[in-house]
Amino acid sequence: MSHAELTSGDLVSVYDVACHAPRSGYVISDVTAVTEVVLLRRGAFVIDACGKEMFVDVGSALVLGPHEEYRVAHPGDDGDVFTLLRGAESLVEEALGSVRGSARRLVPRQSLVVGLFTNSLRSACWDPLEAEEIALLLLASIGDAFRGPESSSEGSLPKLRSRRVDRTRALLASAPASPWRLANIAREVGCSPFHLARDFRRVTGETIGTYLLRLRLGIAIDRMAGGEDDLASLAVESGFSHHSHFTSRFHRVFGLTPSTARSAMSRPRVDDLRSLLSPQPSNNRYAGARVTAL
């Protein structure tokens, strides 16, 4: 695992983290030193913490408290990439509430800002005050996802059916750019397409197609943040049928075109990030969704 420190301050520090672990079950336990907020940009993992298992995938935020023991398993072969915020427990609790040992799914705009913010810190020399300000605005932005009680429909499902949904998420997260079809997915997890589609939405709150779109857009954002400028090739390699398909879906989800987002990534401006982090009217079904516990 590689950690690149992007900024360090008295209030919050930000890291760009890449885990290259292959597909595996749980590895040796580890313990957090301070409160950590994990913002996953690519890949997926399963974490056992605070007496529960959680499947964490692209567009998710995970909070671990200080001195938290945990262990991680990887459902795919490509590891994962995430932005890590470390701060005082009181600071994170003020922004998010008492949510240690929990995870939520962010709205798409927040996921986009995570990529922009991370790339901006990587590619530009920021004033430490500006970096801390944006990090705190990002925490405030994702706070809405953690407000309110956790809820899930999986408790009403037989355990076998709930596990099939978990296996479906792991399967798709391990190869999101593949040309998946519902019949193929159902065959892989040993379930009828009808029951799988129904149970997946019941447990996750989104359709299989919407979930796969979120994973593919996550790949695209992360590669754009890494310097990719051939959007036509990126579209196909991320699992979209062609450039216009990618552009249409990207605009529908984020409210701007891929070329506009790529331009913002290549010319990072603090004011752009402040604007994106300002409160947005939203009826997006992703807002505040809980990351399903296994």
Protein backbone atom coordinates (compact mmCIF):
# COMPACT_ATOMS: atom_id res chain seq x y z
CA MET A 1 0.00 0.00 0.00
CA SER A 2 1.33 3.45 -0.92
CA HIS A 3 0.50 6.66 0.97
CA ALA A 4 1.25 10.05 -0.59
CA GLU A 5 0.78 12.92 1.86
CA LEU A 6 -0.89 15.78 -0.01
CA THR A 7 -1.24 18.26 2.83
CA SER A 8 -0.72 18.18 6.57
CA GLY A 9 -2.10 20.57 9.15
CA ASP A 10 -3.11 20.90 12.76
CA LEU A 11 -6.76 20.23 11.91
CA VAL A 12 -6.73 17.71 9.08
CA SER A 13 -4.25 15.87 6.87
CA VAL A 14 -5.02 14.51 3.40
CA TYR A 15 -3.44 11.49 1.73
CA ASP A 16 -3.71 9.81 -1.66
CA VAL A 17 -3.69 6.06 -0.97
CA ALA A 18 -3.38 3.15 -3.39
CA CYS A 19 -3.75 -0.44 -2.21
CA HIS A 20 -2.36 -3.01 -4.65
CA ALA A 21 -3.57 -6.09 -2.79
CA PRO A 22 -4.83 -8.93 -5.00
CA ARG A 23 -8.10 -10.77 -4.43
CA SER A 24 -8.00 -12.10 -0.87
CA GLY A 25 -9.90 -12.91 2.27
CA TYR A 26 -9.30 -11.02 5.47
CA VAL A 27 -5.70 -10.11 6.14
CA ILE A 28 -4.05 -9.38 9.47
CA SER A 29 -5.78 -6.88 11.74
CA ASP A 30 -4.66 -3.26 11.95
CA VAL A 31 -5.52 -0.36 14.24
CA THR A 32 -6.19 3.29 13.40
CA ALA A 33 -4.12 5.93 15.18
CA VAL A 34 -6.59 8.80 14.72
CA THR A 35 -10.04 9.28 13.23
CA GLU A 36 -9.99 8.45 9.53
CA VAL A 37 -12.41 9.25 6.72
CA VAL A 38 -11.91 7.02 3.67
CA LEU A 39 -13.32 8.33 0.36
CA LEU A 40 -13.13 5.50 -2.16
CA ARG A 41 -12.38 6.52 -5.75
CA ARG A 42 -11.72 3.17 -7.42
CA GLY A 43 -12.14 -0.52 -6.57
CA ALA A 44 -13.91 -2.04 -3.56
CA PHE A 45 -13.15 -3.78 -0.29
CA VAL A 46 -14.90 -5.44 2.62
CA ILE A 47 -14.04 -4.19 6.09
CA ASP A 48 -14.71 -5.82 9.45
CA ALA A 49 -14.85 -3.09 12.09
CA CYS A 50 -16.93 -2.20 15.13
CA GLY A 51 -18.47 -5.67 15.18
CA LYS A 52 -19.89 -5.55 11.64
CA GLU A 53 -18.87 -6.13 8.05
CA MET A 54 -19.34 -3.45 5.40
CA PHE A 55 -18.91 -3.57 1.64
CA VAL A 56 -17.28 -0.29 0.60
CA ASP A 57 -17.20 0.65 -3.08
CA VAL A 58 -16.74 3.61 -5.42
CA GLY A 59 -18.42 6.78 -4.18
CA SER A 60 -18.57 5.60 -0.57
CA ALA A 61 -17.34 7.35 2.58
CA LEU A 62 -16.16 5.24 5.52
CA VAL A 63 -15.43 6.62 9.00
CA LEU A 64 -13.22 4.83 11.52
CA GLY A 65 -12.61 6.15 15.01
CA PRO A 66 -9.25 6.40 16.77
CA HIS A 67 -7.73 3.14 18.01
CA GLU A 68 -10.25 1.18 15.95
CA GLU A 69 -9.24 -2.38 15.18
CA TYR A 70 -10.21 -3.58 11.71
CA ARG A 71 -9.36 -6.05 8.98
CA VAL A 72 -9.90 -5.84 5.24
CA ALA A 73 -10.69 -8.31 2.43
CA HIS A 74 -10.49 -7.60 -1.30
CA PRO A 75 -13.12 -9.03 -3.70
CA GLY A 76 -11.19 -8.07 -6.86
CA ASP A 77 -7.67 -8.32 -8.27
CA ASP A 78 -6.98 -4.61 -8.82
CA GLY A 79 -6.96 -3.33 -5.25
CA ASP A 80 -8.44 0.07 -4.51
CA VAL A 81 -7.63 3.78 -4.53
CA PHE A 82 -8.95 6.31 -2.05
CA THR A 83 -8.53 9.75 -0.55
CA LEU A 84 -7.85 9.59 3.18
CA LEU A 85 -8.64 12.41 5.60
CA ARG A 86 -7.16 12.16 9.10
CA GLY A 87 -8.26 14.55 11.82
CA ALA A 88 -9.14 14.96 15.44
CA GLU A 89 -12.15 12.94 16.57
CA SER A 90 -13.92 16.09 17.80
CA LEU A 91 -13.49 17.79 14.42
CA VAL A 92 -14.84 14.85 12.40
CA GLU A 93 -17.70 14.38 14.86
CA GLU A 94 -18.63 18.06 14.55
CA ALA A 95 -18.83 17.67 10.77
CA LEU A 96 -20.40 14.21 10.49
CA GLY A 97 -21.84 13.32 13.89
CA SER A 98 -21.05 10.23 15.97
CA VAL A 99 -20.61 7.89 13.03
CA ARG A 100 -17.43 5.95 13.73
CA GLY A 101 -17.52 2.48 12.26
CA SER A 102 -20.06 3.36 9.58
CA ALA A 103 -20.19 4.04 5.85
CA ARG A 104 -22.52 5.86 3.49
CA ARG A 105 -22.82 6.40 -0.23
CA LEU A 106 -22.17 9.95 -1.44
CA VAL A 107 -24.11 11.84 -4.08
CA PRO A 108 -22.31 11.92 -7.47
CA ARG A 109 -21.32 15.59 -7.20
CA GLN A 110 -19.47 14.88 -3.95
CA SER A 111 -17.59 11.99 -5.57
CA LEU A 112 -16.55 14.32 -8.38
CA VAL A 113 -15.26 16.89 -5.89
CA VAL A 114 -13.20 14.23 -4.11
CA GLY A 115 -11.41 13.52 -7.40
CA LEU A 116 -10.95 17.21 -8.21
CA PHE A 117 -9.69 18.04 -4.72
CA THR A 118 -7.23 15.15 -4.65
CA ASN A 119 -5.86 15.97 -8.08
CA SER A 120 -5.62 19.67 -7.21
CA LEU A 121 -3.50 18.92 -4.16
CA ARG A 122 -1.32 16.58 -6.23
CA SER A 123 -0.69 18.99 -9.08
CA ALA A 124 -0.64 22.47 -7.51
CA CYS A 125 1.14 24.23 -4.68
CA TRP A 126 -1.65 25.24 -2.32
CA ASP A 127 -1.52 27.57 0.62
CA PRO A 128 -1.93 25.35 3.72
CA LEU A 129 -4.87 27.47 4.90
CA GLU A 130 -6.70 26.95 1.59
CA ALA A 131 -6.06 23.21 1.70
CA GLU A 132 -7.46 22.94 5.23
CA GLU A 133 -10.46 25.07 4.30
CA ILE A 134 -11.38 22.88 1.31
CA ALA A 135 -10.87 19.69 3.36
CA LEU A 136 -13.26 20.99 6.02
CA LEU A 137 -15.78 22.09 3.38
CA LEU A 138 -15.58 18.58 1.92
CA LEU A 139 -16.28 17.09 5.35
CA ALA A 140 -19.22 19.44 5.80
CA SER A 141 -20.53 18.50 2.36
CA ILE A 142 -20.56 14.77 3.02
CA GLY A 143 -22.08 15.30 6.46
CA ASP A 144 -25.59 15.15 4.99
CA ALA A 145 -24.98 11.55 3.94
CA PHE A 146 -24.38 10.57 7.57
CA ARG A 147 -27.31 12.37 9.13
CA GLY A 148 -30.33 10.33 10.09
CA PRO A 149 -30.56 6.71 11.22
CA GLU A 150 -29.09 3.85 9.27
CA SER A 151 -31.70 1.84 7.46
CA SER A 152 -31.62 -1.27 5.34
CA SER A 153 -34.08 -3.69 3.81
CA GLU A 154 -31.69 -6.60 3.87
CA GLY A 155 -32.81 -7.70 7.33
CA SER A 156 -36.15 -8.79 5.86
CA LEU A 157 -34.45 -10.95 3.22
CA PRO A 158 -33.30 -14.53 3.78
CA LYS A 159 -29.55 -14.55 4.38
CA LEU A 160 -28.85 -16.49 1.19
CA ARG A 161 -30.56 -13.86 -0.98
CA SER A 162 -28.79 -11.02 0.81
CA ARG A 163 -25.45 -12.76 0.26
CA ARG A 164 -26.22 -13.05 -3.45
CA VAL A 165 -26.58 -9.29 -3.63
CA ASP A 166 -23.22 -8.91 -1.88
CA ARG A 167 -21.63 -11.31 -4.36
CA THR A 168 -23.16 -9.34 -7.23
CA ARG A 169 -21.66 -6.09 -5.98
CA ALA A 170 -18.27 -7.73 -5.53
CA LEU A 171 -18.48 -9.29 -9.01
CA LEU A 172 -19.29 -6.00 -10.73
CA ALA A 173 -16.77 -4.02 -8.68
CA SER A 174 -14.03 -6.47 -9.68
CA ALA A 175 -14.55 -5.75 -13.41
CA PRO A 176 -16.87 -2.76 -13.94
CA ALA A 177 -15.79 -2.14 -17.54
CA SER A 178 -16.81 -5.64 -18.68
CA PRO A 179 -19.89 -5.93 -20.95
CA TRP A 180 -22.18 -7.32 -18.26
CA ARG A 181 -25.68 -8.63 -18.99
CA LEU A 182 -28.27 -9.45 -16.35
CA ALA A 183 -28.48 -13.12 -17.35
CA ASN A 184 -24.70 -13.52 -17.07
CA ILE A 185 -24.60 -11.86 -13.65
CA ALA A 186 -27.47 -14.00 -12.37
CA ARG A 187 -25.79 -17.16 -13.63
CA GLU A 188 -22.53 -16.21 -11.89
CA VAL A 189 -24.25 -15.81 -8.50
CA GLY A 190 -26.69 -18.72 -8.94
CA CYS A 191 -29.97 -16.83 -9.05
CA SER A 192 -32.73 -16.03 -11.52
CA PRO A 193 -32.45 -12.60 -13.21
CA PHE A 194 -35.90 -11.62 -11.91
CA HIS A 195 -35.11 -12.35 -8.26
CA LEU A 196 -31.64 -10.85 -8.47
CA ALA A 197 -32.89 -7.54 -9.94
CA ARG A 198 -35.62 -7.31 -7.31
CA ASP A 199 -33.39 -8.21 -4.34
CA PHE A 200 -30.53 -5.96 -5.47
CA ARG A 201 -32.75 -2.90 -5.50
CA ARG A 202 -34.35 -3.88 -2.22
CA VAL A 203 -30.99 -4.14 -0.44
CA THR A 204 -29.02 -1.33 -2.08
CA GLY A 205 -31.72 1.16 -3.04
CA GLU A 206 -30.53 1.29 -6.66
CA THR A 207 -30.81 -0.85 -9.75
CA ILE A 208 -27.94 -3.04 -10.97
CA GLY A 209 -27.57 -0.76 -14.01
CA THR A 210 -27.32 2.37 -11.85
CA TYR A 211 -24.76 0.67 -9.62
CA LEU A 212 -22.64 -0.33 -12.61
CA LEU A 213 -22.86 3.21 -14.03
CA ARG A 214 -21.56 4.59 -10.72
CA LEU A 215 -18.59 2.22 -10.82
CA ARG A 216 -17.75 3.11 -14.43
CA LEU A 217 -17.97 6.84 -13.79
CA GLY A 218 -15.68 6.34 -10.80
CA ILE A 219 -13.06 4.80 -13.09
CA ALA A 220 -13.40 7.68 -15.54
CA ILE A 221 -13.06 10.39 -12.88
CA ASP A 222 -10.01 8.77 -11.33
CA ARG A 223 -8.27 8.39 -14.69
CA MET A 224 -9.12 11.95 -15.69
CA ALA A 225 -7.70 13.17 -12.38
CA GLY A 226 -4.58 11.16 -13.16
CA GLY A 227 -4.02 13.05 -16.42
CA GLU A 228 -5.99 11.08 -19.02
CA ASP A 229 -7.03 13.44 -21.81
CA ASP A 230 -8.15 11.03 -24.57
CA LEU A 231 -11.82 10.99 -23.60
CA ALA A 232 -12.88 8.80 -26.52
CA SER A 233 -10.54 6.00 -25.48
CA LEU A 234 -11.38 6.55 -21.82
CA ALA A 235 -15.09 6.12 -22.59
CA VAL A 236 -14.63 2.70 -24.18
CA GLU A 237 -12.07 1.50 -21.63
CA SER A 238 -14.42 2.48 -18.78
CA GLY A 239 -17.22 0.33 -20.21
CA PHE A 240 -19.25 2.84 -22.24
CA SER A 241 -20.21 1.99 -25.81
CA HIS A 242 -18.79 5.20 -27.30
CA HIS A 243 -17.77 8.77 -26.49
CA SER A 244 -21.23 10.32 -26.85
CA HIS A 245 -22.73 7.66 -24.57
CA PHE A 246 -20.11 8.50 -21.94
CA THR A 247 -20.67 12.25 -22.32
CA SER A 248 -24.44 11.88 -22.02
CA ARG A 249 -24.30 9.76 -18.88
CA PHE A 250 -21.59 11.90 -17.29
CA HIS A 251 -23.59 15.09 -17.88
CA ARG A 252 -26.80 13.53 -16.60
CA VAL A 253 -25.16 12.46 -13.33
CA PHE A 254 -22.77 15.38 -12.63
CA GLY A 255 -24.39 18.30 -14.45
CA LEU A 256 -21.30 19.05 -16.57
CA THR A 257 -19.51 17.45 -19.48
CA PRO A 258 -16.39 15.28 -19.16
CA SER A 259 -14.36 17.89 -21.07
CA THR A 260 -15.43 20.59 -18.60
CA ALA A 261 -14.47 18.36 -15.67
CA ARG A 262 -11.15 17.50 -17.34
CA SER A 263 -10.44 21.21 -17.83
CA ALA A 264 -11.12 21.88 -14.14
CA MET A 265 -8.73 19.08 -13.21
CA SER A 266 -5.95 20.45 -15.42
CA ARG A 267 -6.37 24.00 -14.08
CA PRO A 268 -7.25 23.52 -10.41
CA ARG A 269 -8.77 26.58 -8.77
CA VAL A 270 -9.78 26.85 -5.15
CA ASP A 271 -12.84 28.93 -6.07
CA ASP A 272 -14.10 26.15 -8.37
CA LEU A 273 -13.96 23.66 -5.51
CA ARG A 274 -15.69 26.08 -3.15
CA SER A 275 -18.46 26.49 -5.72
CA LEU A 276 -18.90 22.75 -6.20
CA LEU A 277 -19.01 22.23 -2.44
CA SER A 278 -21.70 24.87 -1.90
CA PRO A 279 -25.14 23.46 -0.98
CA GLN A 280 -26.92 22.07 -4.04
CA PRO A 281 -30.65 21.43 -4.41
CA SER A 282 -30.93 17.72 -5.04
CA ASN A 283 -33.52 15.02 -5.47
CA ASN A 284 -30.83 12.49 -6.35
CA ARG A 285 -31.65 8.99 -5.13
CA TYR A 286 -28.01 8.48 -4.07
CA ALA A 287 -28.22 11.11 -1.35
CA GLY A 288 -27.66 9.73 2.14
CA ALA A 289 -27.85 6.12 1.02
CA ARG A 290 -26.37 3.63 3.40
CA VAL A 291 -23.55 1.37 2.33
CA THR A 292 -25.00 -2.08 2.82
CA ALA A 293 -23.51 -4.13 5.61
CA LEU A 294 -22.81 -7.72 4.74
